[in-house]
């Protein structure tokens, strides 16, 4: 399978010692730091758009809370637990660290797992497969499972708790993503006016977010 071949490719990279070259690309230079700042600013603006989107979706579903589409709207508009969000951000920040920058042996383990899955993610789409999005989801689930398994033997209790909270947040986020995909699919073949209206809001939000990304991130690089 593709995943087996990616495992083999990464094992070969480790064996050759070239994995260090791949890891070095994570070191944050001045340009990378500027990119992180721009990304942070974009994320804050995008969060504002998301609040507007959610308010519109909730308004559409008033009085129709029992319908399937409304239940999915409730799912995608309910925010993640703050502790879970913070834990997910902490694990995401590992993307900017090399193994030798780890604070301790436990964090090094997580960085090494993240590094391996970054390599696999980068190489997932090279075969032009149409199911790339689904494969990325499966890859992300596998990475989270590996981190949870590794954390069971951690001596760093705070980091262990962070992984557990992130895993719970990851599962909740995945459920939201599935509900969002269902809403978008229903909008393409609507069976009700609610499906159609929800789809219009979702498509409009995506267009606004794409425009914001172009103006507030790409144009400033």
Protein backbone atom coordinates (compact mmCIF):
# COMPACT_ATOMS: atom_id res chain seq x y z
CA UNK A 1 0.00 0.00 0.00
CA UNK A 2 0.97 3.66 -0.26
CA UNK A 3 1.38 3.94 3.52
CA UNK A 4 3.72 0.94 3.57
CA UNK A 5 5.81 2.48 0.81
CA UNK A 6 6.00 5.77 2.72
CA UNK A 7 7.16 3.90 5.82
CA UNK A 8 9.85 2.25 3.73
CA UNK A 9 10.94 5.58 2.19
CA UNK A 10 11.23 7.21 5.59
CA UNK A 11 13.17 4.25 6.99
CA UNK A 12 15.59 4.62 4.09
CA UNK A 13 15.92 8.34 4.79
CA UNK A 14 16.81 7.56 8.40
CA UNK A 15 19.25 4.84 7.41
CA UNK A 16 21.09 7.18 5.04
CA UNK A 17 21.30 9.95 7.64
CA UNK A 18 19.53 12.38 5.31
CA UNK A 19 16.66 12.66 7.78
CA UNK A 20 18.76 15.33 9.52
CA UNK A 21 18.69 17.44 6.35
CA UNK A 22 14.91 17.11 6.23
CA UNK A 23 14.66 18.07 9.91
CA UNK A 24 16.85 21.15 9.43
CA UNK A 25 14.16 22.67 7.20
CA UNK A 26 12.14 23.13 10.38
CA UNK A 27 14.53 25.61 11.95
CA UNK A 28 12.85 29.00 12.08
CA UNK A 29 14.93 31.72 10.44
CA UNK A 30 14.09 35.42 10.19
CA UNK A 31 11.94 34.90 7.09
CA UNK A 32 10.16 31.95 8.71
CA UNK A 33 9.51 34.00 11.84
CA UNK A 34 7.89 36.69 9.71
CA UNK A 35 5.76 34.03 8.03
CA UNK A 36 4.64 32.74 11.44
CA UNK A 37 3.66 36.28 12.48
CA UNK A 38 1.66 36.79 9.28
CA UNK A 39 0.02 33.39 9.74
CA UNK A 40 -0.94 34.34 13.29
CA UNK A 41 -2.49 37.61 12.13
CA UNK A 42 -4.39 35.80 9.38
CA UNK A 43 -5.67 33.20 11.87
CA UNK A 44 -7.10 35.96 14.10
CA UNK A 45 -8.91 37.59 11.16
CA UNK A 46 -10.16 34.22 9.92
CA UNK A 47 -11.52 33.51 13.41
CA UNK A 48 -13.63 36.66 13.11
CA UNK A 49 -15.04 35.47 9.79
CA UNK A 50 -15.80 32.10 11.35
CA UNK A 51 -17.83 33.75 14.11
CA UNK A 52 -19.85 35.60 11.45
CA UNK A 53 -20.39 32.36 9.52
CA UNK A 54 -21.55 30.53 12.64
CA UNK A 55 -23.99 33.30 13.55
CA UNK A 56 -25.54 33.13 10.05
CA UNK A 57 -25.81 29.33 10.20
CA UNK A 58 -27.45 29.38 13.63
CA UNK A 59 -29.94 31.99 12.46
CA UNK A 60 -30.92 29.79 9.51
CA UNK A 61 -31.59 26.85 11.84
CA UNK A 62 -33.79 28.65 14.36
CA UNK A 63 -37.02 26.71 14.77
CA UNK A 64 -35.64 23.75 12.80
CA UNK A 65 -33.29 22.32 15.42
CA UNK A 66 -34.56 18.76 14.99
CA UNK A 67 -33.59 18.47 11.32
CA UNK A 68 -30.44 16.59 10.34
CA UNK A 69 -28.81 19.61 8.72
CA UNK A 70 -29.47 21.72 11.82
CA UNK A 71 -27.87 19.08 14.05
CA UNK A 72 -24.77 19.15 11.86
CA UNK A 73 -24.73 22.94 12.05
CA UNK A 74 -24.85 22.67 15.83
CA UNK A 75 -21.84 20.35 15.63
CA UNK A 76 -19.67 22.56 13.43
CA UNK A 77 -20.52 25.77 15.30
CA UNK A 78 -19.87 24.43 18.81
CA UNK A 79 -16.33 25.49 19.79
CA UNK A 80 -13.76 23.03 21.04
CA UNK A 81 -12.91 22.95 24.73
CA UNK A 82 -10.26 25.63 25.46
CA UNK A 83 -7.92 23.11 27.06
CA UNK A 84 -8.17 20.90 24.01
CA UNK A 85 -7.53 23.82 21.65
CA UNK A 86 -4.46 24.88 23.62
CA UNK A 87 -3.15 21.31 23.59
CA UNK A 88 -3.63 21.05 19.83
CA UNK A 89 -1.76 24.35 19.37
CA UNK A 90 1.08 23.01 21.54
CA UNK A 91 1.45 19.90 19.40
CA UNK A 92 1.21 21.96 16.20
CA UNK A 93 4.11 24.09 17.44
CA UNK A 94 6.33 21.00 17.33
CA UNK A 95 6.34 21.46 13.54
CA UNK A 96 8.88 24.24 14.01
CA UNK A 97 11.32 22.18 16.10
CA UNK A 98 14.04 19.69 15.22
CA UNK A 99 14.63 16.71 17.53
CA UNK A 100 17.77 18.29 18.97
CA UNK A 101 15.76 21.36 20.02
CA UNK A 102 13.52 19.29 22.30
CA UNK A 103 13.19 20.35 25.94
CA UNK A 104 13.47 16.74 27.13
CA UNK A 105 13.45 13.15 25.91
CA UNK A 106 9.64 12.97 25.91
CA UNK A 107 9.26 16.03 23.73
CA UNK A 108 11.96 14.66 21.45
CA UNK A 109 9.85 11.53 20.97
CA UNK A 110 6.86 13.64 19.88
CA UNK A 111 9.00 15.74 17.53
CA UNK A 112 10.41 12.60 15.92
CA UNK A 113 6.89 11.25 15.39
CA UNK A 114 5.76 14.59 13.95
CA UNK A 115 8.82 14.71 11.68
CA UNK A 116 8.10 11.26 10.28
CA UNK A 117 4.50 12.16 9.54
CA UNK A 118 5.48 15.50 8.00
CA UNK A 119 7.63 13.54 5.54
CA UNK A 120 4.73 11.19 4.77
CA UNK A 121 2.28 14.07 4.37
CA UNK A 122 4.57 15.87 1.93
CA UNK A 123 4.86 12.73 -0.19
CA UNK A 124 1.22 11.62 -0.03
CA UNK A 125 0.07 13.54 -3.08
CA UNK A 126 2.87 12.68 -5.45
CA UNK A 127 0.88 9.91 -7.14
CA UNK A 128 -1.90 12.32 -8.07
CA UNK A 129 -4.50 10.32 -6.14
CA UNK A 130 -7.96 11.88 -6.04
CA UNK A 131 -8.47 10.67 -2.46
CA UNK A 132 -5.67 12.85 -1.09
CA UNK A 133 -7.91 14.57 1.48
CA UNK A 134 -9.09 11.24 2.90
CA UNK A 135 -5.54 9.93 3.04
CA UNK A 136 -4.36 13.04 4.87
CA UNK A 137 -7.12 12.48 7.44
CA UNK A 138 -6.08 8.84 7.91
CA UNK A 139 -2.45 9.90 8.22
CA UNK A 140 -3.36 12.50 10.86
CA UNK A 141 -5.32 9.91 12.84
CA UNK A 142 -2.40 7.52 12.71
CA UNK A 143 0.01 10.22 13.92
CA UNK A 144 -2.24 11.10 16.85
CA UNK A 145 -2.53 7.44 17.81
CA UNK A 146 1.27 7.07 17.74
CA UNK A 147 1.67 10.12 19.99
CA UNK A 148 -0.89 8.80 22.48
CA UNK A 149 0.81 5.41 22.59
CA UNK A 150 4.23 7.00 23.08
CA UNK A 151 2.93 9.30 25.83
CA UNK A 152 1.83 6.36 27.98
CA UNK A 153 5.43 5.90 29.12
CA UNK A 154 6.28 9.63 29.50
CA UNK A 155 7.81 10.82 32.77
CA UNK A 156 6.81 14.40 31.85
CA UNK A 157 3.28 14.37 33.31
CA UNK A 158 2.37 17.80 31.91
CA UNK A 159 3.31 16.73 28.38
CA UNK A 160 1.41 13.49 28.84
CA UNK A 161 -1.71 15.48 29.79
CA UNK A 162 -1.20 17.75 26.78
CA UNK A 163 -1.17 14.76 24.43
CA UNK A 164 -4.33 13.33 26.04
CA UNK A 165 -6.17 16.67 25.72
CA UNK A 166 -4.98 17.09 22.14
CA UNK A 167 -6.19 13.60 21.26
CA UNK A 168 -9.67 14.40 22.63
CA UNK A 169 -9.67 17.69 20.70
CA UNK A 170 -8.48 15.93 17.54
CA UNK A 171 -11.38 13.46 17.71
CA UNK A 172 -13.86 16.30 18.24
CA UNK A 173 -12.37 18.27 15.35
CA UNK A 174 -12.57 15.23 13.07
CA UNK A 175 -16.27 14.82 13.91
CA UNK A 176 -16.84 18.47 13.01
CA UNK A 177 -14.99 18.02 9.72
CA UNK A 178 -17.16 15.04 8.81
CA UNK A 179 -20.33 17.01 9.56
CA UNK A 180 -19.02 19.91 7.45
CA UNK A 181 -18.37 17.57 4.54
CA UNK A 182 -21.90 16.20 4.86
CA UNK A 183 -23.36 19.72 4.77
CA UNK A 184 -21.32 20.62 1.70
CA UNK A 185 -22.34 17.38 -0.04
CA UNK A 186 -26.01 18.04 0.77
CA UNK A 187 -25.71 21.56 -0.64
CA UNK A 188 -24.69 20.12 -4.02
CA UNK A 189 -27.83 17.99 -4.14
CA UNK A 190 -30.19 19.82 -1.75
CA UNK A 191 -33.28 18.05 -0.50
CA UNK A 192 -34.58 21.16 1.28
CA UNK A 193 -34.32 24.92 1.30
CA UNK A 194 -32.25 24.61 4.50
CA UNK A 195 -29.62 22.50 2.72
CA UNK A 196 -29.44 25.12 -0.02
CA UNK A 197 -29.20 28.07 2.39
CA UNK A 198 -26.54 26.42 4.54
CA UNK A 199 -24.51 25.62 1.45
CA UNK A 200 -24.64 29.23 0.30
CA UNK A 201 -23.31 30.46 3.65
CA UNK A 202 -20.51 27.87 3.68
CA UNK A 203 -19.44 28.65 0.11
CA UNK A 204 -19.58 32.38 0.80
CA UNK A 205 -17.44 31.96 3.94
CA UNK A 206 -14.84 29.96 2.01
CA UNK A 207 -14.63 32.66 -0.65
CA UNK A 208 -14.14 35.37 2.00
CA UNK A 209 -11.47 33.29 3.76
CA UNK A 210 -9.63 32.63 0.48
CA UNK A 211 -9.70 36.35 -0.32
CA UNK A 212 -8.42 37.19 3.16
CA UNK A 213 -5.60 34.66 2.78
CA UNK A 214 -4.56 36.24 -0.50
CA UNK A 215 -4.59 39.79 0.84
CA UNK A 216 -3.34 39.34 4.40
CA UNK A 217 -0.85 36.50 3.94
CA UNK A 218 0.31 35.71 0.41
CA UNK A 219 0.46 39.36 -0.71
CA UNK A 220 2.63 40.28 2.31
CA UNK A 221 5.22 37.51 2.03
